[in-house]
Structure formats: C-alpha cells, structure tokens
C-alpha cells in the first residue's frame, strides 16, 4: 500500500512568507511538495471560513504564515491573526478536526530555510495524523423534491 501523502493548503503573506517560500524554491532547498501556496495580502486577511473551506474541499492540513510580530506591512494584521488563531482552532475542534491540523508560523522574506523547515515538519505531522475523513460529514443533505416532502410518512 502506498504511503499517505497529505494535501496541505498554505495561506502566505504576500510581503514576507510568500517571498520566503519563493526564496526556498530559488535556493533549491529540499522540502516536501505537498503544499499548495495561496498568496494573501496579509495573514490578518485569512478569514476562518477560508480555513474551514480548505478542509471542506479536501485539505488534510492548513498552514498560515505571516510576517514576524512587529514587522507587518499593515501594522497589526499579524496581531489580528494571532488573536484569531485560538478561535479558529476551537471552531475546528467543534467540527471534529484535530487542532494539530492547522498551524500558524512567522516566516520573513529572508527565511527560505525556515519556510522549508516548517513545511517539512508540518507535512510529517499531518502524515502521522493520517487523512482527514471529513468530506462525508460536510456533504450537503440530499435534495428533496416537494412531492417527496408532501408524501413522506
């Protein structure tokens, strides 16, 4: 049987983390290819619904990366995410998603090696957790016709 390879969605700050990820790639650092990077203007812009939708659409883990505290290009966006993150984990726990499946990290534009390290660690952690069997729980209820509702006994 083939080893489970997790699908990870990463929301990366445009100014620091996305550039750090680019540096990791251009430096040809070795890290797992399991991450789908999504560039956002700021980590503070990552709405909890983005995280829930990533899991709903098949992600096994979600990584949120932003500028280091105090270095945000929007002054306090990363502080907003820092305050929101425990609430995101609590929300996911109510849906039955392990809190370890979502991670918040600070990666600057010059930290390509740190980005590669975070991705490798997080991929290993999600691999140990196994696939997220969440899709059946989140499937919309079957559509009923008006006739089936009226004739139901």
Protein backbone atom coordinates (compact mmCIF):
# COMPACT_ATOMS: atom_id res chain seq x y z
CA UNK A 1 0.00 0.00 0.00
CA UNK A 2 1.29 3.47 -0.88
CA UNK A 3 2.21 5.86 1.92
CA UNK A 4 -0.33 8.58 2.63
CA UNK A 5 0.73 11.94 1.19
CA UNK A 6 -1.13 14.84 2.80
CA UNK A 7 -2.63 17.76 0.92
CA UNK A 8 -1.77 21.00 2.69
CA UNK A 9 -3.09 24.45 1.88
CA UNK A 10 -0.82 27.33 2.92
CA UNK A 11 -2.03 30.90 3.21
CA UNK A 12 1.11 33.00 2.81
CA UNK A 13 1.52 36.72 3.47
CA UNK A 14 2.39 38.45 0.22
CA UNK A 15 5.18 40.56 1.71
CA UNK A 16 7.12 38.09 3.85
CA UNK A 17 6.06 34.46 3.83
CA UNK A 18 5.32 34.15 0.12
CA UNK A 19 8.70 35.73 -0.61
CA UNK A 20 10.30 33.36 1.90
CA UNK A 21 8.68 30.43 0.09
CA UNK A 22 9.99 31.81 -3.21
CA UNK A 23 13.46 32.09 -1.71
CA UNK A 24 13.28 28.44 -0.59
CA UNK A 25 12.42 27.45 -4.15
CA UNK A 26 15.01 29.61 -5.89
CA UNK A 27 17.64 28.41 -3.39
CA UNK A 28 16.66 24.85 -4.34
CA UNK A 29 16.10 23.85 -0.74
CA UNK A 30 14.62 20.40 -0.26
CA UNK A 31 11.13 20.28 1.21
CA UNK A 32 8.01 18.20 0.52
CA UNK A 33 5.86 19.23 -2.47
CA UNK A 34 2.62 18.70 -0.53
CA UNK A 35 1.83 22.39 -0.04
CA UNK A 36 -0.49 24.42 -2.24
CA UNK A 37 0.54 28.04 -1.59
CA UNK A 38 -2.13 30.73 -1.67
CA UNK A 39 -0.88 34.31 -1.56
CA UNK A 40 -2.89 36.70 0.61
CA UNK A 41 -2.09 40.34 1.23
CA UNK A 42 -1.69 39.75 4.97
CA UNK A 43 -2.05 36.85 7.41
CA UNK A 44 -4.63 39.02 9.16
CA UNK A 45 -6.72 38.76 6.00
CA UNK A 46 -7.17 34.98 6.42
CA UNK A 47 -10.78 34.59 7.46
CA UNK A 48 -11.73 31.47 9.47
CA UNK A 49 -14.07 30.49 6.63
CA UNK A 50 -11.01 30.22 4.34
CA UNK A 51 -9.60 27.57 6.68
CA UNK A 52 -12.91 25.69 7.00
CA UNK A 53 -13.38 25.74 3.22
CA UNK A 54 -9.86 24.42 2.65
CA UNK A 55 -10.67 21.42 4.84
CA UNK A 56 -14.09 21.05 3.26
CA UNK A 57 -12.51 20.90 -0.19
CA UNK A 58 -10.09 18.14 0.74
CA UNK A 59 -7.10 19.60 2.58
CA UNK A 60 -5.56 17.45 5.29
CA UNK A 61 -3.83 20.43 6.90
CA UNK A 62 -3.75 24.22 6.71
CA UNK A 63 -0.65 26.34 7.26
CA UNK A 64 -0.93 30.09 7.84
CA UNK A 65 2.30 32.07 7.55
CA UNK A 66 2.77 35.77 8.16
CA UNK A 67 5.33 38.45 8.94
CA UNK A 68 7.02 38.31 12.32
CA UNK A 69 5.14 40.27 15.01
CA UNK A 70 6.11 43.91 14.73
CA UNK A 71 7.11 43.58 11.06
CA UNK A 72 3.65 43.55 9.47
CA UNK A 73 3.36 45.80 6.42
CA UNK A 74 -0.19 46.60 7.57
CA UNK A 75 0.97 47.43 11.12
CA UNK A 76 -1.16 44.95 13.07
CA UNK A 77 -2.52 42.36 10.65
CA UNK A 78 -0.42 39.56 12.11
CA UNK A 79 -1.54 40.54 15.61
CA UNK A 80 -5.13 40.17 14.40
CA UNK A 81 -4.33 36.65 13.18
CA UNK A 82 -2.52 35.86 16.42
CA UNK A 83 -5.66 36.76 18.38
CA UNK A 84 -7.96 34.95 15.94
CA UNK A 85 -5.93 31.73 15.71
CA UNK A 86 -7.07 30.14 19.01
CA UNK A 87 -10.66 30.77 17.95
CA UNK A 88 -10.03 29.07 14.60
CA UNK A 89 -8.64 26.00 16.37
CA UNK A 90 -11.61 25.95 18.74
CA UNK A 91 -14.03 26.21 15.81
CA UNK A 92 -12.33 23.32 14.00
CA UNK A 93 -12.41 21.20 17.17
CA UNK A 94 -16.19 21.66 17.25
CA UNK A 95 -16.26 20.21 13.73
CA UNK A 96 -14.16 17.25 14.86
CA UNK A 97 -10.89 18.42 13.27
CA UNK A 98 -7.76 17.91 15.35
CA UNK A 99 -6.19 21.27 16.31
CA UNK A 100 -2.81 20.00 15.09
CA UNK A 101 -4.10 20.15 11.51
CA UNK A 102 -3.85 23.93 11.43
CA UNK A 103 -0.64 25.81 12.19
CA UNK A 104 0.40 29.46 12.42
CA UNK A 105 4.02 30.41 11.74
CA UNK A 106 6.02 33.59 11.21
CA UNK A 107 8.36 33.49 8.21
CA UNK A 108 10.16 36.57 6.86
CA UNK A 109 11.23 37.18 3.28
CA UNK A 110 14.83 36.22 4.10
CA UNK A 111 13.92 32.94 5.83
CA UNK A 112 13.65 30.50 2.96
CA UNK A 113 15.35 27.86 5.08
CA UNK A 114 12.81 28.40 7.86
CA UNK A 115 9.93 28.04 5.39
CA UNK A 116 11.37 24.74 4.11
CA UNK A 117 11.81 23.52 7.70
CA UNK A 118 8.23 24.47 8.70
CA UNK A 119 6.77 22.76 5.62
CA UNK A 120 8.79 19.58 6.26
CA UNK A 121 7.78 19.46 9.95
CA UNK A 122 4.12 20.18 9.26
CA UNK A 123 3.95 17.63 6.43
CA UNK A 124 5.41 14.96 8.74
CA UNK A 125 2.95 15.89 11.48
CA UNK A 126 -0.04 15.66 9.12
CA UNK A 127 1.29 12.39 7.67
CA UNK A 128 1.28 10.94 11.21
CA UNK A 129 -2.30 12.14 11.78
CA UNK A 130 -3.44 10.47 8.57
CA UNK A 131 -6.03 11.65 6.09
CA UNK A 132 -8.86 13.86 7.27
CA UNK A 133 -12.07 11.91 6.80
CA UNK A 134 -14.25 14.97 6.87
CA UNK A 135 -15.90 15.11 3.43
CA UNK A 136 -18.83 12.77 4.23
CA UNK A 137 -19.69 14.78 7.35
CA UNK A 138 -19.69 18.05 5.41
CA UNK A 139 -21.64 16.80 2.40
CA UNK A 140 -24.84 18.75 1.83
CA UNK A 141 -28.04 16.91 2.70
CA UNK A 142 -29.77 15.14 -0.19
CA UNK A 143 -32.10 17.37 -2.18
CA UNK A 144 -35.73 16.56 -1.65
CA UNK A 145 -38.45 17.30 -4.12
CA UNK A 146 -41.66 18.95 -2.99
CA UNK A 147 -43.50 15.73 -3.80
CA UNK A 148 -41.26 13.60 -1.56
CA UNK A 149 -41.74 16.01 1.34
CA UNK A 150 -45.51 16.02 0.97
CA UNK A 151 -45.80 12.23 0.62
CA UNK A 152 -43.30 11.37 3.39
CA UNK A 153 -44.80 9.31 6.16
